Amino acid sequence: MALVPAEGRPPEPRFADEAQAMRWYEAERDNLVAAVRAAASAGQDRLAWQLAVVLRSVYMTDHPIQEWLATSRTGLEAARRDGDRGAEAELQESLGMAYVQSQNLESAAGHYEAALALRRELHDTFGEALTLNGLGLLELRRRNLARAQAAFEGSRALFAARHDDFWEPRTGVNLAQVELELGHPEKALGPLHRGIEAFRSHGDRRAEGNALRLLATAELDSGDADAALAHAEQAVAIATGIRSTAAEAYWLLTLGDARRATGQPAQAEASYRRAAALQKDLGDRARQAAAWDGLGQACLQLGRAREATDCHRRAVATYRDLRLAWETAQALAHLAVALDSVPEPQEAEDARSDALGLLTAFTDPRAVRLRESVVRRSPHDAGQ
């Protein structure tokens, strides 16, 4: 979307690199939120929504949820008063993104659907492709894998028709993530390598880091833990280099997994603890729970079974509160393993039973394998 410069503006700040720009943003973040509100209150609706649209690109990087929601809501109201349907679509999508990050997935879906309808009404195929990509990411979080795949494929087709070599590789990487969730790491490797090459050619460090994180996950699933560790370390180094707390907090989870897989549980513990602390500050409870779940597995490797059960219980409680059935089932399976080592046989059996009940809703290959693993570990089902 083209933004019309304000008249009589002061000189624009110039930044040597992204890190310097982020330092400026961090110093001015409260003032920027106040500026959006002040513009809307003063009747400067166009300025208010333009500021909100610009800030979304920063919020996508660092995920300050409450600021993101506040400025996007104010901007959306201003866009409606200004009668700008394109701006309204931008800010509906912005709210969808923010609600995804705050794990309010039902609200996110409503905003994404509103954005998609506006894009199509305006015959904005580029915007439609972006919104479909966002919808795919939402459906990934909801573990609606067929819907996620369809949304990404629709997005990729629109980008391909535009010969957009910047965005098309991103949808390819997102489709690779669907393959990972389906339990097909071998299908993900090629698109991930191609994506990394494309992102490096564009100098897009954030996209490169995310693809490296996914590549590490694929390698872990394929049994190549050493390669996974190297790529996870590269991803986290990129996150710290671009000063993205949100990326660091998320990608540390994969680094912790790789460290556990390579026999480094103490280092894995450090990764998970830092991830949990960062996610608490960011307000992403689901990923904070993922850090606790990983921490429980690291503690069990270190011989601290009681501590492991406490970590897994925290993860289970949070996932249940967020109504995330797939994540709850995984954490219950991990809790049961830790309880076996305490030992607490009845509680372990109850955790397995709860996990199996939740897993009946999922039929993808990865879910089937998890269900089979839970059944194999159950003394009752093993005939003991």
Protein backbone atom coordinates (compact mmCIF):
# COMPACT_ATOMS: atom_id res chain seq x y z
CA MET A 1 0.00 0.00 0.00
CA ALA A 2 1.35 3.43 -0.96
CA LEU A 3 1.34 5.87 1.96
CA VAL A 4 1.00 9.59 1.23
CA PRO A 5 3.65 11.63 3.11
CA ALA A 6 2.38 14.21 5.58
CA GLU A 7 2.97 17.86 4.75
CA GLY A 8 5.58 19.82 6.66
CA ARG A 9 7.18 16.70 8.07
CA PRO A 10 10.53 16.77 9.90
CA PRO A 11 13.58 15.11 8.32
CA GLU A 12 13.23 11.32 8.14
CA PRO A 13 15.54 9.33 10.41
CA ARG A 14 18.14 7.35 8.50
CA PHE A 15 19.51 4.03 9.73
CA ALA A 16 22.67 2.18 8.76
CA ASP A 17 21.06 -1.25 9.24
CA GLU A 18 18.10 -3.08 10.76
CA ALA A 19 19.75 -3.33 14.17
CA GLN A 20 20.13 0.46 14.39
CA ALA A 21 16.53 0.93 13.26
CA MET A 22 15.33 -1.47 15.95
CA ARG A 23 17.29 0.43 18.61
CA TRP A 24 15.51 3.64 17.54
CA TYR A 25 12.16 1.86 17.67
CA GLU A 26 12.86 0.49 21.15
CA ALA A 27 13.64 4.00 22.39
CA GLU A 28 10.51 5.49 20.77
CA ARG A 29 7.97 2.66 21.05
CA ASP A 30 5.77 4.30 23.71
CA ASN A 31 5.77 7.57 21.79
CA LEU A 32 4.75 5.77 18.59
CA VAL A 33 1.72 4.18 20.25
CA ALA A 34 0.79 7.56 21.73
CA ALA A 35 1.13 9.16 18.30
CA VAL A 36 -1.43 6.81 16.78
CA ARG A 37 -3.90 7.59 19.56
CA ALA A 38 -3.23 11.33 19.40
CA ALA A 39 -3.74 11.44 15.63
CA ALA A 40 -7.06 9.60 15.89
CA SER A 41 -8.23 11.82 18.76
CA ALA A 42 -7.32 14.95 16.76
CA GLY A 43 -9.35 13.82 13.77
CA GLN A 44 -6.25 13.02 11.72
CA ASP A 45 -7.64 9.65 10.66
CA ARG A 46 -5.42 9.17 7.62
CA LEU A 47 -2.30 9.80 9.66
CA ALA A 48 -3.56 7.50 12.43
CA TRP A 49 -4.14 4.50 10.17
CA GLN A 50 -0.94 5.10 8.20
CA LEU A 51 1.10 5.02 11.41
CA ALA A 52 -0.70 1.83 12.46
CA VAL A 53 0.03 0.19 9.09
CA VAL A 54 3.71 1.12 9.28
CA LEU A 55 4.03 -0.13 12.87
CA ARG A 56 2.63 -3.53 11.90
CA SER A 57 5.89 -4.35 10.08
CA VAL A 58 7.75 -3.76 13.35
CA TYR A 59 5.24 -5.63 15.48
CA MET A 60 5.53 -8.64 13.15
CA THR A 61 9.20 -8.70 14.12
CA ASP A 62 9.02 -8.33 17.89
CA HIS A 63 5.41 -9.22 18.82
CA PRO A 64 4.57 -6.64 21.53
CA ILE A 65 1.02 -7.96 21.66
CA GLN A 66 -0.80 -5.27 23.63
CA GLU A 67 0.76 -2.42 21.62
CA TRP A 68 0.03 -4.28 18.39
CA LEU A 69 -3.62 -4.82 19.26
CA ALA A 70 -4.10 -1.25 20.51
CA THR A 71 -2.60 0.50 17.50
CA SER A 72 -4.31 -1.82 15.00
CA ARG A 73 -7.74 -1.32 16.58
CA THR A 74 -7.28 2.45 16.62
CA GLY A 75 -6.00 2.36 13.04
CA LEU A 76 -8.92 0.20 11.87
CA GLU A 77 -11.47 2.62 13.33
CA ALA A 78 -9.62 5.52 11.71
CA ALA A 79 -9.52 3.76 8.32
CA ARG A 80 -13.27 3.16 8.48
CA ARG A 81 -13.91 6.82 9.27
CA ASP A 82 -11.59 7.77 6.43
CA GLY A 83 -13.44 5.46 4.06
CA ASP A 84 -10.28 3.67 2.91
CA ARG A 85 -11.15 0.03 2.24
CA GLY A 86 -7.57 -0.91 1.41
CA ALA A 87 -6.36 0.42 4.74
CA GLU A 88 -9.19 -1.43 6.46
CA ALA A 89 -8.00 -4.68 4.87
CA GLU A 90 -4.42 -4.03 6.00
CA LEU A 91 -5.52 -3.48 9.59
CA GLN A 92 -7.94 -6.40 9.66
CA GLU A 93 -5.00 -8.57 8.65
CA SER A 94 -2.79 -6.90 11.24
CA LEU A 95 -5.31 -7.76 13.96
CA GLY A 96 -5.45 -11.32 12.65
CA MET A 97 -1.68 -11.60 13.01
CA ALA A 98 -1.71 -10.11 16.51
CA TYR A 99 -4.46 -12.45 17.70
CA VAL A 100 -2.56 -15.44 16.31
CA GLN A 101 0.48 -14.44 18.35
CA SER A 102 -1.65 -13.98 21.47
CA GLN A 103 -3.23 -17.42 20.84
CA ASN A 104 -6.75 -16.00 20.44
CA LEU A 105 -7.27 -18.04 17.30
CA GLU A 106 -11.03 -17.58 16.94
CA SER A 107 -10.67 -13.81 16.91
CA ALA A 108 -7.76 -14.14 14.50
CA ALA A 109 -9.88 -16.15 12.08
CA GLY A 110 -12.59 -13.51 12.03
CA HIS A 111 -10.16 -10.74 11.18
CA TYR A 112 -8.41 -12.80 8.49
CA GLU A 113 -11.72 -13.66 6.84
CA ALA A 114 -12.71 -9.99 6.89
CA ALA A 115 -9.37 -9.03 5.33
CA LEU A 116 -9.70 -11.70 2.63
CA ALA A 117 -13.21 -10.51 1.70
CA LEU A 118 -11.96 -6.93 1.40
CA ARG A 119 -8.95 -7.95 -0.71
CA ARG A 120 -11.20 -9.83 -3.12
CA GLU A 121 -13.73 -7.00 -3.23
CA LEU A 122 -10.91 -4.63 -4.21
CA HIS A 123 -9.43 -7.12 -6.73
CA ASP A 124 -6.15 -6.85 -4.81
CA THR A 125 -4.48 -10.11 -5.82
CA PHE A 126 -1.20 -9.30 -4.07
CA GLY A 127 -3.06 -8.52 -0.84
CA GLU A 128 -5.18 -11.63 -1.29
CA ALA A 129 -2.02 -13.74 -1.60
CA LEU A 130 -0.62 -12.21 1.60
CA THR A 131 -3.86 -12.80 3.49
CA LEU A 132 -4.07 -16.41 2.30
CA ASN A 133 -0.52 -16.94 3.55
CA GLY A 134 -1.54 -15.53 6.94
CA LEU A 135 -4.60 -17.77 7.00
CA GLY A 136 -2.34 -20.74 6.33
CA LEU A 137 -0.19 -19.84 9.33
CA LEU A 138 -3.33 -19.53 11.46
CA GLU A 139 -4.55 -22.96 10.36
CA LEU A 140 -1.12 -24.40 11.18
CA ARG A 141 -1.53 -23.13 14.74
CA ARG A 142 -4.98 -24.70 14.85
CA ARG A 143 -3.54 -27.91 13.35
CA ASN A 144 -6.03 -27.83 10.49
CA LEU A 145 -3.31 -29.12 8.18
CA ALA A 146 -5.43 -29.64 5.05
CA ARG A 147 -6.78 -26.09 5.31
CA ALA A 148 -3.30 -24.72 5.94
CA GLN A 149 -1.98 -26.53 2.88
CA ALA A 150 -4.85 -25.25 0.69
CA ALA A 151 -4.33 -21.66 1.85
CA PHE A 152 -0.57 -21.79 1.20
CA GLU A 153 -1.07 -23.35 -2.22
CA GLY A 154 -3.59 -20.64 -3.13
CA SER A 155 -1.16 -17.99 -1.97
CA ARG A 156 1.74 -19.50 -3.88
CA ALA A 157 -0.31 -19.70 -7.09
CA LEU A 158 -1.17 -16.00 -6.89
CA PHE A 159 2.46 -15.04 -6.24
CA ALA A 160 3.64 -17.28 -9.08
CA ALA A 161 1.17 -15.62 -11.47
CA ARG A 162 2.77 -12.29 -10.53
CA HIS A 163 6.28 -13.73 -10.99
CA ASP A 164 6.99 -12.66 -7.43
CA ASP A 165 10.31 -14.30 -6.54
CA PHE A 166 10.35 -12.59 -3.14
CA TRP A 167 7.11 -14.00 -1.72
CA GLU A 168 6.74 -17.28 -3.58
CA PRO A 169 9.68 -18.95 -1.75
CA ARG A 170 8.07 -17.98 1.55
CA THR A 171 4.91 -19.87 0.73
CA GLY A 172 7.10 -22.78 -0.35
CA VAL A 173 8.75 -22.80 3.07
CA ASN A 174 5.35 -22.62 4.75
CA LEU A 175 4.20 -25.61 2.70
CA ALA A 176 7.33 -27.41 3.88
CA GLN A 177 6.23 -26.73 7.44
CA VAL A 178 2.92 -28.46 6.69
CA GLU A 179 4.88 -31.50 5.49
CA LEU A 180 6.81 -31.48 8.75
CA GLU A 181 3.61 -31.38 10.77
CA LEU A 182 2.26 -34.25 8.67
CA GLY A 183 5.39 -36.25 9.53
CA HIS A 184 7.05 -36.07 6.09
CA PRO A 185 10.45 -34.45 6.76
CA GLU A 186 11.91 -35.82 3.53
CA LYS A 187 9.37 -33.77 1.54
CA ALA A 188 10.33 -30.61 3.41
CA LEU A 189 14.11 -30.68 2.86
CA GLY A 190 14.16 -29.57 -0.79
CA PRO A 191 11.80 -26.58 -0.39
CA LEU A 192 13.67 -25.48 2.72
CA HIS A 193 17.07 -25.52 1.01
CA ARG A 194 15.61 -23.59 -1.95
CA GLY A 195 14.03 -21.10 0.41
CA ILE A 196 17.28 -20.50 2.28
CA GLU A 197 19.09 -19.87 -1.00
CA ALA A 198 16.40 -17.40 -2.11
CA PHE A 199 16.36 -15.56 1.21
CA ARG A 200 20.13 -15.21 1.21
CA SER A 201 20.01 -13.77 -2.30
CA HIS A 202 17.50 -11.16 -1.09
CA GLY A 203 19.46 -10.48 2.10
CA ASP A 204 16.41 -11.41 4.19
CA ARG A 205 18.00 -12.58 7.41
CA ARG A 206 14.76 -13.17 9.27
CA ALA A 207 13.29 -15.45 6.61
CA GLU A 208 16.64 -17.24 6.35
CA GLY A 209 16.70 -17.83 10.09
CA ASN A 210 13.16 -19.19 10.14
CA ALA A 211 13.95 -21.56 7.26
CA LEU A 212 17.09 -22.71 9.07
CA ARG A 213 14.99 -23.38 12.16
CA LEU A 214 12.59 -25.49 10.10
CA LEU A 215 15.49 -27.25 8.39
CA ALA A 216 16.86 -28.17 11.81
CA THR A 217 13.44 -29.60 12.73
CA ALA A 218 13.36 -31.65 9.52
CA GLU A 219 16.86 -32.97 10.22
CA LEU A 220 15.89 -33.92 13.77
CA ASP A 221 12.89 -35.82 12.42
CA SER A 222 15.18 -37.51 9.86
CA GLY A 223 17.72 -38.55 12.52
CA ASP A 224 20.52 -36.12 11.56
CA ALA A 225 20.95 -34.47 14.96
CA ASP A 226 24.42 -33.00 14.29
CA ALA A 227 23.22 -31.14 11.18
CA ALA A 228 20.14 -30.01 13.10
CA LEU A 229 22.31 -28.58 15.88
CA ALA A 230 24.45 -26.62 13.43
CA HIS A 231 21.42 -25.14 11.66
CA ALA A 232 19.59 -24.33 14.89
CA GLU A 233 22.67 -22.51 16.17
CA GLN A 234 22.82 -20.52 12.93
CA ALA A 235 19.13 -19.58 13.28
CA VAL A 236 19.52 -18.32 16.85
CA ALA A 237 22.66 -16.38 15.89
CA ILE A 238 20.62 -14.62 13.18
CA ALA A 239 17.86 -13.81 15.69
CA THR A 240 20.29 -12.18 18.09
CA GLY A 241 22.08 -10.42 15.23
CA ILE A 242 18.87 -8.74 14.04
CA ARG A 243 17.77 -8.06 17.63
CA SER A 244 14.51 -9.99 17.30
CA THR A 245 13.44 -11.18 20.73
CA ALA A 246 10.43 -12.98 19.27
CA ALA A 247 12.55 -14.96 16.79
CA GLU A 248 15.17 -15.77 19.43
CA ALA A 249 12.52 -16.97 21.89
CA TYR A 250 10.92 -19.25 19.30
CA TRP A 251 14.05 -20.57 17.62
CA LEU A 252 15.65 -21.36 20.99
CA LEU A 253 13.07 -24.14 21.30
CA THR A 254 14.54 -25.90 18.27
CA LEU A 255 18.06 -25.32 19.57
CA GLY A 256 17.03 -26.95 22.85
CA ASP A 257 15.60 -29.93 20.96
CA ALA A 258 18.82 -30.29 18.95
CA ARG A 259 20.96 -30.07 22.08
CA ARG A 260 18.91 -32.80 23.73
CA ALA A 261 19.23 -34.97 20.62
CA THR A 262 23.03 -34.56 20.60
CA GLY A 263 23.40 -35.51 24.27
CA GLN A 264 23.72 -31.98 25.70
CA PRO A 265 20.82 -31.78 28.18
CA ALA A 266 22.43 -29.10 30.36
CA GLN A 267 22.85 -26.79 27.37
CA ALA A 268 19.31 -27.67 26.28
CA GLU A 269 18.04 -26.68 29.71
CA ALA A 270 19.65 -23.25 29.32
CA SER A 271 17.98 -22.80 25.90
CA TYR A 272 14.53 -23.71 27.20
CA ARG A 273 14.84 -21.54 30.32
CA ARG A 274 15.79 -18.50 28.27
CA ALA A 275 12.98 -19.23 25.80
CA ALA A 276 10.45 -19.46 28.63
CA ALA A 277 11.60 -16.16 30.12
CA LEU A 278 11.46 -14.36 26.79
CA GLN A 279 8.06 -15.78 25.90
CA LYS A 280 6.69 -14.64 29.26
CA ASP A 281 7.73 -11.08 28.41
CA LEU A 282 6.28 -11.41 24.89
CA GLY A 283 2.98 -12.77 26.16
CA ASP A 284 2.93 -15.91 23.99
CA ARG A 285 1.66 -18.45 26.49
CA ALA A 286 1.58 -21.33 24.01
CA ARG A 287 5.26 -21.02 23.19
CA GLN A 288 6.09 -20.48 26.85
CA ALA A 289 4.36 -23.80 27.50
CA ALA A 290 6.44 -25.37 24.72
CA ALA A 291 9.57 -24.17 26.53
CA TRP A 292 8.37 -25.76 29.78
CA ASP A 293 7.62 -29.00 27.95
CA GLY A 294 11.12 -29.05 26.43
CA LEU A 295 12.61 -28.17 29.80
CA GLY A 296 10.86 -31.16 31.33
CA GLN A 297 12.45 -33.46 28.77
CA ALA A 298 15.89 -31.94 29.45
CA CYS A 299 15.43 -32.35 33.21
CA LEU A 300 14.51 -36.00 32.73
CA GLN A 301 17.69 -36.53 30.71
CA LEU A 302 19.60 -34.96 33.59
CA GLY A 303 18.04 -37.41 36.07
CA ARG A 304 15.71 -34.88 37.70
CA ALA A 305 12.42 -36.69 37.20
CA ARG A 306 10.43 -34.81 39.85
CA GLU A 307 11.39 -31.48 38.33
CA ALA A 308 10.54 -32.84 34.89
CA THR A 309 7.01 -33.75 35.99
CA ASP A 310 6.50 -30.23 37.39
CA CYS A 311 7.55 -28.70 34.06
CA HIS A 312 5.27 -30.95 32.04
CA ARG A 313 2.34 -30.27 34.38
CA ARG A 314 2.79 -26.53 33.82
CA ALA A 315 2.81 -27.10 30.07
CA VAL A 316 -0.30 -29.29 30.19
CA ALA A 317 -2.20 -26.78 32.34
CA THR A 318 -1.37 -23.90 29.99
CA TYR A 319 -2.23 -25.81 26.84
CA ARG A 320 -5.52 -26.92 28.35
CA ASP A 321 -6.33 -23.35 29.33
CA LEU A 322 -5.66 -22.30 25.74
CA ARG A 323 -7.72 -25.24 24.40
CA LEU A 324 -4.86 -26.56 22.31
CA ALA A 325 -5.69 -30.25 22.02
CA TRP A 326 -2.67 -31.36 19.95
CA GLU A 327 -0.13 -29.61 22.16
CA THR A 328 -1.88 -30.87 25.30
CA ALA A 329 -1.69 -34.45 24.02
CA GLN A 330 2.04 -34.13 23.32
CA ALA A 331 2.75 -32.66 26.75
CA LEU A 332 0.65 -35.38 28.43
CA ALA A 333 2.68 -38.05 26.62
CA HIS A 334 5.89 -36.44 27.90
CA LEU A 335 4.42 -36.14 31.40
CA ALA A 336 3.59 -39.84 31.40
CA VAL A 337 7.20 -40.74 30.54
CA ALA A 338 8.50 -38.54 33.37
CA LEU A 339 6.00 -40.04 35.81
CA ASP A 340 7.24 -43.52 34.90
CA SER A 341 10.63 -42.48 36.27
CA VAL A 342 9.32 -41.08 39.59
CA PRO A 343 7.51 -43.58 39.65
CA GLU A 344 3.81 -42.68 39.74
CA PRO A 345 2.23 -45.51 37.71
CA GLN A 346 -1.43 -44.54 38.16
CA GLU A 347 -0.90 -40.87 37.30
CA ALA A 348 1.22 -41.91 34.33
CA GLU A 349 -1.55 -44.18 33.09
CA ASP A 350 -4.10 -41.38 33.56
CA ALA A 351 -1.91 -39.01 31.53
CA ARG A 352 -1.64 -41.58 28.73
CA SER A 353 -5.38 -42.14 28.75
CA ASP A 354 -6.02 -38.39 28.51
CA ALA A 355 -3.50 -38.08 25.68
CA LEU A 356 -5.12 -40.90 23.73
CA GLY A 357 -8.53 -39.32 24.16
CA LEU A 358 -7.31 -36.04 22.69
CA LEU A 359 -5.47 -37.75 19.84
CA THR A 360 -8.66 -39.30 18.48
CA ALA A 361 -9.34 -35.92 16.83
CA PHE A 362 -6.20 -36.16 14.69
CA THR A 363 -5.62 -38.58 11.82
CA ASP A 364 -2.41 -37.29 10.21
CA PRO A 365 0.66 -39.59 10.14
CA ARG A 366 2.49 -37.74 12.89
CA ALA A 367 -0.51 -38.00 15.21
CA VAL A 368 -0.87 -41.69 14.40
CA ARG A 369 2.78 -42.27 15.34
CA LEU A 370 2.35 -40.39 18.62
CA ARG A 371 -0.74 -42.44 19.44
CA GLU A 372 1.14 -45.66 18.74
CA SER A 373 4.02 -44.50 20.93
CA VAL A 374 1.70 -43.72 23.82
CA VAL A 375 0.01 -47.12 23.53
CA ARG A 376 3.37 -48.96 23.40
CA ARG A 377 4.52 -47.31 26.61
CA SER A 378 1.35 -48.12 28.50
CA PRO A 379 1.84 -51.08 30.90
CA HIS A 380 -1.91 -51.79 30.73
CA ASP A 381 -1.94 -52.02 26.93
CA ALA A 382 1.31 -54.01 26.95
CA GLY A 383 -0.44 -56.63 29.06
CA GLN A 384 1.56 -55.99 32.22
